[in-house]
Amino acid sequence: MIKYYFLLLPLITFNALAGNQEDCLRGFGIYSYPCEHKKTTKAALRENLTLSQSSNSKTPDQRGEDALEPAIIPSTSEASESSEQKGPELLNSVPPDRLRELEIMGAMEKLDRILTTEDEREIERQKAEAARQKKFQQLIHRNSIGVGMNPQQVIDSWGKPFRINPFSESIEQWIFQRRDGRDQIIYLENGKVSSWE
């Protein structure tokens, strides 16, 4: 690899003399110079300086693009006062039909944000329900029960109950006969397993 650098040397030298050192060296992976510093400096300079047309008699073309001089920039308080004074004027200058379009677009964006959060909540709820159902299927496969199972899942896991005793409109007691002769009791509240003994 080293023997090929002599081929790059004339190209690197030419680009360095032309002012493109960062681009040339970065392209070959030899040197990584942060170009953002140079760009932000120029951007900051252009924001804070404006072309001077009053002090020079030359036209902007004769002075060149880089002929910049300091300008007076109003402070933020002055700028906000002037914008507050011009606010009603700007609002009145917008045609009524365009103003109505802007109001509708704003309402639509607000509705999109609301629907997006509701959709995200629904997706999270569906994911949680799918995980719960997967857990119940694993319990059924092992002939076990869990809190939150519906009656069909209990029947799939343990079979039909020996006896059902309703306690109230919302609570039922399901009694299963175990192989050793003892009773296994499950309590269902509003159609879901709430506890067992």
Protein backbone atom coordinates (compact mmCIF):
# COMPACT_ATOMS: atom_id res chain seq x y z
CA MET A 1 0.00 0.00 0.00
CA ILE A 2 2.86 2.40 0.80
CA LYS A 3 4.36 2.09 -2.67
CA TYR A 4 1.23 3.68 -4.21
CA TYR A 5 1.33 6.87 -2.15
CA PHE A 6 3.81 8.43 -4.54
CA LEU A 7 1.02 8.41 -7.15
CA LEU A 8 -1.23 10.39 -4.82
CA LEU A 9 1.38 12.99 -3.83
CA PRO A 10 1.02 15.22 -6.94
CA LEU A 11 -2.78 15.15 -6.61
CA ILE A 12 -2.66 15.98 -2.90
CA THR A 13 -0.17 18.80 -3.51
CA PHE A 14 -2.28 20.28 -6.31
CA ASN A 15 -5.49 20.21 -4.28
CA ALA A 16 -3.73 21.63 -1.22
CA LEU A 17 -2.42 24.55 -3.27
CA ALA A 18 -5.88 25.04 -4.75
CA GLY A 19 -7.37 25.27 -1.25
CA ASN A 20 -9.12 21.90 -1.23
CA GLN A 21 -6.83 20.18 1.26
CA GLU A 22 -9.60 18.87 3.50
CA ASP A 23 -11.62 17.41 0.64
CA CYS A 24 -8.61 15.81 -1.03
CA LEU A 25 -7.18 14.20 2.07
CA ARG A 26 -10.56 13.07 3.36
CA GLY A 27 -11.33 11.40 0.02
CA PHE A 28 -8.27 9.20 0.33
CA GLY A 29 -8.87 8.41 3.99
CA ILE A 30 -5.47 9.81 4.94
CA TYR A 31 -6.52 12.76 7.04
CA SER A 32 -9.88 13.59 8.56
CA TYR A 33 -10.27 17.31 9.12
CA PRO A 34 -13.59 18.57 10.54
CA CYS A 35 -14.99 20.73 7.75
CA GLU A 36 -18.00 21.69 9.88
CA HIS A 37 -15.83 24.17 11.81
CA LYS A 38 -14.98 26.05 8.63
CA LYS A 39 -18.59 25.96 7.42
CA THR A 40 -20.08 27.14 10.69
CA THR A 41 -17.55 29.96 10.90
CA LYS A 42 -18.52 31.17 7.43
CA ALA A 43 -22.22 30.75 8.23
CA ALA A 44 -21.84 32.70 11.46
CA LEU A 45 -19.89 35.40 9.63
CA ARG A 46 -22.57 35.72 6.96
CA GLU A 47 -25.32 35.92 9.59
CA ASN A 48 -23.61 38.69 11.54
CA LEU A 49 -22.27 40.68 8.58
CA THR A 50 -23.97 42.17 5.54
CA LEU A 51 -22.71 43.62 2.31
CA SER A 52 -21.86 47.26 2.60
CA GLN A 53 -23.34 49.24 -0.25
CA SER A 54 -23.32 52.69 1.29
CA SER A 55 -19.63 53.13 2.24
CA ASN A 56 -18.08 51.84 -0.99
CA SER A 57 -18.76 53.27 -4.40
CA LYS A 58 -18.02 49.89 -5.99
CA THR A 59 -20.86 47.56 -6.90
CA PRO A 60 -21.20 44.23 -5.10
CA ASP A 61 -19.81 42.48 -8.20
CA GLN A 62 -16.65 44.62 -8.13
CA ARG A 63 -16.13 44.10 -4.39
CA GLY A 64 -16.67 40.36 -4.62
CA GLU A 65 -18.90 38.10 -2.57
CA ASP A 66 -16.57 38.09 0.43
CA ALA A 67 -16.59 41.89 0.88
CA LEU A 68 -18.56 41.92 4.11
CA GLU A 69 -18.78 44.63 6.73
CA PRO A 70 -20.35 44.67 10.19
CA ALA A 71 -24.02 45.60 10.36
CA ILE A 72 -26.22 46.76 13.22
CA ILE A 73 -28.48 43.93 14.30
CA PRO A 74 -31.41 44.84 16.57
CA SER A 75 -31.49 43.21 19.98
CA THR A 76 -34.09 40.54 20.66
CA SER A 77 -36.30 42.91 22.64
CA GLU A 78 -36.38 45.43 19.79
CA ALA A 79 -37.07 42.69 17.29
CA SER A 80 -39.93 41.28 19.36
CA GLU A 81 -41.47 44.73 19.81
CA SER A 82 -41.36 45.39 16.09
CA SER A 83 -42.85 41.97 15.33
CA GLU A 84 -45.62 42.57 17.89
CA GLN A 85 -46.44 45.87 16.19
CA LYS A 86 -46.41 44.29 12.74
CA GLY A 87 -48.40 41.19 13.79
CA PRO A 88 -51.89 42.59 13.08
CA GLU A 89 -50.65 44.12 9.83
CA LEU A 90 -49.26 40.79 8.68
CA LEU A 91 -52.42 38.98 9.75
CA ASN A 92 -54.60 41.42 7.81
CA SER A 93 -52.39 41.10 4.73
CA VAL A 94 -53.16 37.35 4.42
CA PRO A 95 -56.20 36.69 2.20
CA PRO A 96 -59.18 35.28 4.15
CA ASP A 97 -59.35 32.06 2.11
CA ARG A 98 -55.63 31.42 2.69
CA LEU A 99 -56.08 32.17 6.41
CA ARG A 100 -58.90 29.60 6.55
CA GLU A 101 -56.64 27.05 4.80
CA LEU A 102 -53.93 27.67 7.41
CA GLU A 103 -56.44 27.17 10.24
CA ILE A 104 -57.61 23.89 8.70
CA MET A 105 -54.03 22.70 8.22
CA GLY A 106 -53.24 23.51 11.86
CA ALA A 107 -56.31 21.61 13.05
CA MET A 108 -55.37 18.62 10.87
CA GLU A 109 -51.82 18.55 12.28
CA LYS A 110 -53.21 18.64 15.83
CA LEU A 111 -55.60 15.80 15.00
CA ASP A 112 -52.74 13.77 13.47
CA ARG A 113 -50.74 14.14 16.70
CA ILE A 114 -53.74 13.00 18.78
CA LEU A 115 -54.46 10.04 16.49
CA THR A 116 -50.81 9.05 16.47
CA THR A 117 -50.70 8.83 20.27
CA GLU A 118 -54.00 6.91 20.34
CA ASP A 119 -52.70 4.51 17.68
CA GLU A 120 -49.51 3.97 19.67
CA ARG A 121 -51.55 3.20 22.80
CA GLU A 122 -53.73 0.75 20.88
CA ILE A 123 -50.68 -1.00 19.43
CA GLU A 124 -49.13 -1.30 22.91
CA ARG A 125 -52.41 -2.69 24.28
CA GLN A 126 -52.59 -5.26 21.48
CA LYS A 127 -48.99 -6.31 22.09
CA ALA A 128 -49.68 -6.77 25.82
CA GLU A 129 -52.83 -8.80 25.09
CA ALA A 130 -50.94 -11.02 22.61
CA ALA A 131 -48.22 -11.66 25.21
CA ARG A 132 -50.87 -12.52 27.80
CA GLN A 133 -52.62 -14.94 25.45
CA LYS A 134 -49.29 -16.60 24.66
CA LYS A 135 -48.69 -17.05 28.39
CA PHE A 136 -52.15 -18.59 28.80
CA GLN A 137 -51.49 -21.01 25.93
CA GLN A 138 -48.29 -22.13 27.65
CA LEU A 139 -50.23 -22.67 30.90
CA ILE A 140 -52.91 -24.70 29.08
CA HIS A 141 -50.19 -26.82 27.49
CA ARG A 142 -48.86 -27.62 31.01
CA ASN A 143 -52.42 -28.22 32.38
CA SER A 144 -52.17 -25.17 34.65
CA ILE A 145 -54.32 -22.10 35.18
CA GLY A 146 -53.58 -18.41 35.65
CA VAL A 147 -55.28 -15.22 36.79
CA GLY A 148 -57.19 -13.62 33.93
CA MET A 149 -58.03 -16.83 32.03
CA ASN A 150 -61.52 -17.02 30.56
CA PRO A 151 -63.82 -20.05 31.18
CA GLN A 152 -62.97 -21.70 27.85
CA GLN A 153 -59.24 -21.58 28.62
CA VAL A 154 -59.89 -23.15 32.05
CA ILE A 155 -61.91 -25.95 30.39
CA ASP A 156 -59.12 -26.44 27.81
CA SER A 157 -56.60 -26.78 30.64
CA TRP A 158 -58.47 -28.78 33.32
CA GLY A 159 -61.61 -30.02 31.58
CA LYS A 160 -65.22 -29.39 32.64
CA PRO A 161 -65.85 -28.61 36.30
CA PHE A 162 -67.51 -31.15 38.58
CA ARG A 163 -69.85 -28.48 39.94
CA ILE A 164 -70.48 -24.71 39.45
CA ASN A 165 -71.73 -22.64 42.40
CA PRO A 166 -72.79 -19.08 41.60
CA PHE A 167 -72.11 -16.69 44.52
CA SER A 168 -73.49 -13.55 42.89
CA GLU A 169 -74.17 -12.24 39.41
CA SER A 170 -70.47 -11.65 38.78
CA ILE A 171 -68.73 -14.35 40.89
CA GLU A 172 -68.81 -18.12 40.29
CA GLN A 173 -67.11 -20.99 42.10
CA TRP A 174 -65.95 -23.83 39.87
CA ILE A 175 -65.17 -27.09 41.66
CA PHE A 176 -62.90 -29.69 40.04
CA GLN A 177 -62.30 -33.22 41.35
CA ARG A 178 -58.58 -34.06 41.59
CA ARG A 179 -57.18 -37.57 41.09
CA ASP A 180 -56.46 -37.92 44.80
CA GLY A 181 -60.13 -37.21 45.62
CA ARG A 182 -59.68 -33.67 46.94
CA ASP A 183 -61.56 -30.72 45.46
CA GLN A 184 -59.79 -27.95 43.55
CA ILE A 185 -61.78 -24.67 43.61
CA ILE A 186 -61.45 -21.81 41.12
CA TYR A 187 -63.16 -18.44 41.53
CA LEU A 188 -64.23 -16.60 38.39
CA GLU A 189 -65.17 -12.94 38.60
CA ASN A 190 -66.84 -11.35 35.55
CA GLY A 191 -65.85 -14.36 33.43
CA LYS A 192 -62.13 -14.27 34.37
CA VAL A 193 -60.15 -16.37 36.84
CA SER A 194 -59.53 -14.24 39.93
CA SER A 195 -58.15 -16.85 42.39
CA TRP A 196 -58.12 -20.54 43.33
CA GLU A 197 -57.55 -22.78 46.34
